[in-house]
Each structure stands twice: as structure tokens, then as C-alpha cells.
Amino acid sequence: MKEDKKEKFLRIYANVPDKLREDIIVVIDDKTYTWNTAYFEIKNNTELGKKILKELEIMKIL
């Protein structure tokens, strides 16, 4: 079964070292988001989280 984008992000996030989780991974509407912020938004299924997932897919991170 194909892994959905949210599950894939959560799996990748779990393997990111704590020190790197404060690094910026995406820019949406001229605002920067770190691994931790992205995790919060994606985990809570927010509209911003959906935009972050889409951008991460475009960037070939997912």
C-alpha cells in the first residue's frame, strides 16, 4: 500500500536529529517553517499543514 504524504513526513521527522529540527525546511507565503513547526501543523491537519506537505512534495523531500 502506498504511504500517504502525512505518514511519510512523520516517518522522516522521527529520524531527523533533535538539533536539526530547528532548521528551516520550507517557505510558505514568505514565512519560514522549521521541522518542528511543520510537524505541529501536519500532525494537527491544519490548512497550513496541507500547504507544507504540498510544498515538501514539490521539493522532492516527500
Protein backbone atom coordinates (compact mmCIF):
# COMPACT_ATOMS: atom_id res chain seq x y z
CA MET A 1 0.00 0.00 0.00
CA LYS A 2 1.28 3.45 -0.91
CA GLU A 3 2.31 5.59 2.05
CA ASP A 4 0.47 8.91 2.17
CA LYS A 5 2.33 12.21 2.42
CA LYS A 6 1.50 12.76 6.09
CA GLU A 7 2.73 9.30 7.13
CA LYS A 8 5.88 9.75 5.07
CA PHE A 9 6.58 13.14 6.66
CA LEU A 10 6.05 11.74 10.18
CA ARG A 11 8.44 8.85 9.45
CA ILE A 12 11.10 11.22 8.10
CA TYR A 13 10.60 13.64 11.02
CA ALA A 14 11.13 10.82 13.52
CA ASN A 15 14.59 10.25 12.01
CA VAL A 16 15.65 13.91 12.00
CA PRO A 17 18.12 14.61 14.83
CA ASP A 18 16.80 16.98 17.51
CA LYS A 19 19.41 19.64 16.66
CA LEU A 20 18.24 19.79 13.04
CA ARG A 21 14.55 20.11 13.90
CA GLU A 22 15.02 23.86 14.37
CA ASP A 23 16.32 24.22 10.81
CA ILE A 24 14.05 25.85 8.24
CA ILE A 25 12.74 23.35 5.71
CA VAL A 26 10.08 25.27 3.82
CA VAL A 27 8.84 28.78 3.00
CA ILE A 28 5.10 29.33 2.55
CA ASP A 29 3.70 32.80 1.75
CA ASP A 30 7.06 34.40 2.61
CA LYS A 31 7.11 32.81 6.09
CA THR A 32 9.68 30.23 7.14
CA TYR A 33 8.85 26.96 8.87
CA THR A 34 11.12 24.58 10.75
CA TRP A 35 10.80 20.82 11.05
CA ASN A 36 9.11 21.33 14.43
CA THR A 37 6.58 23.86 13.15
CA ALA A 38 5.84 21.70 10.12
CA TYR A 39 5.35 18.69 12.40
CA PHE A 40 2.83 20.57 14.56
CA GLU A 41 0.84 21.82 11.56
CA ILE A 42 0.86 18.49 9.72
CA LYS A 43 0.06 16.42 12.82
CA ASN A 44 -2.95 18.67 13.52
CA ASN A 45 -4.22 18.53 9.92
CA THR A 46 -4.31 22.31 9.50
CA GLU A 47 -4.65 24.10 6.18
CA LEU A 48 -1.08 25.32 6.62
CA GLY A 49 -0.01 21.72 7.21
CA LYS A 50 -1.56 20.73 3.88
CA LYS A 51 0.32 23.55 2.13
CA ILE A 52 3.56 22.46 3.79
CA LEU A 53 3.06 18.85 2.65
CA LYS A 54 2.37 20.01 -0.90
CA GLU A 55 5.50 22.18 -0.95
CA LEU A 56 7.65 19.40 0.51
CA GLU A 57 6.39 17.10 -2.23
CA ILE A 58 7.27 19.69 -4.90
CA MET A 59 10.74 19.97 -3.34
CA LYS A 60 11.07 16.16 -3.55
CA ILE A 61 11.51 15.82 0.21
CA LEU A 62 8.44 13.57 0.24
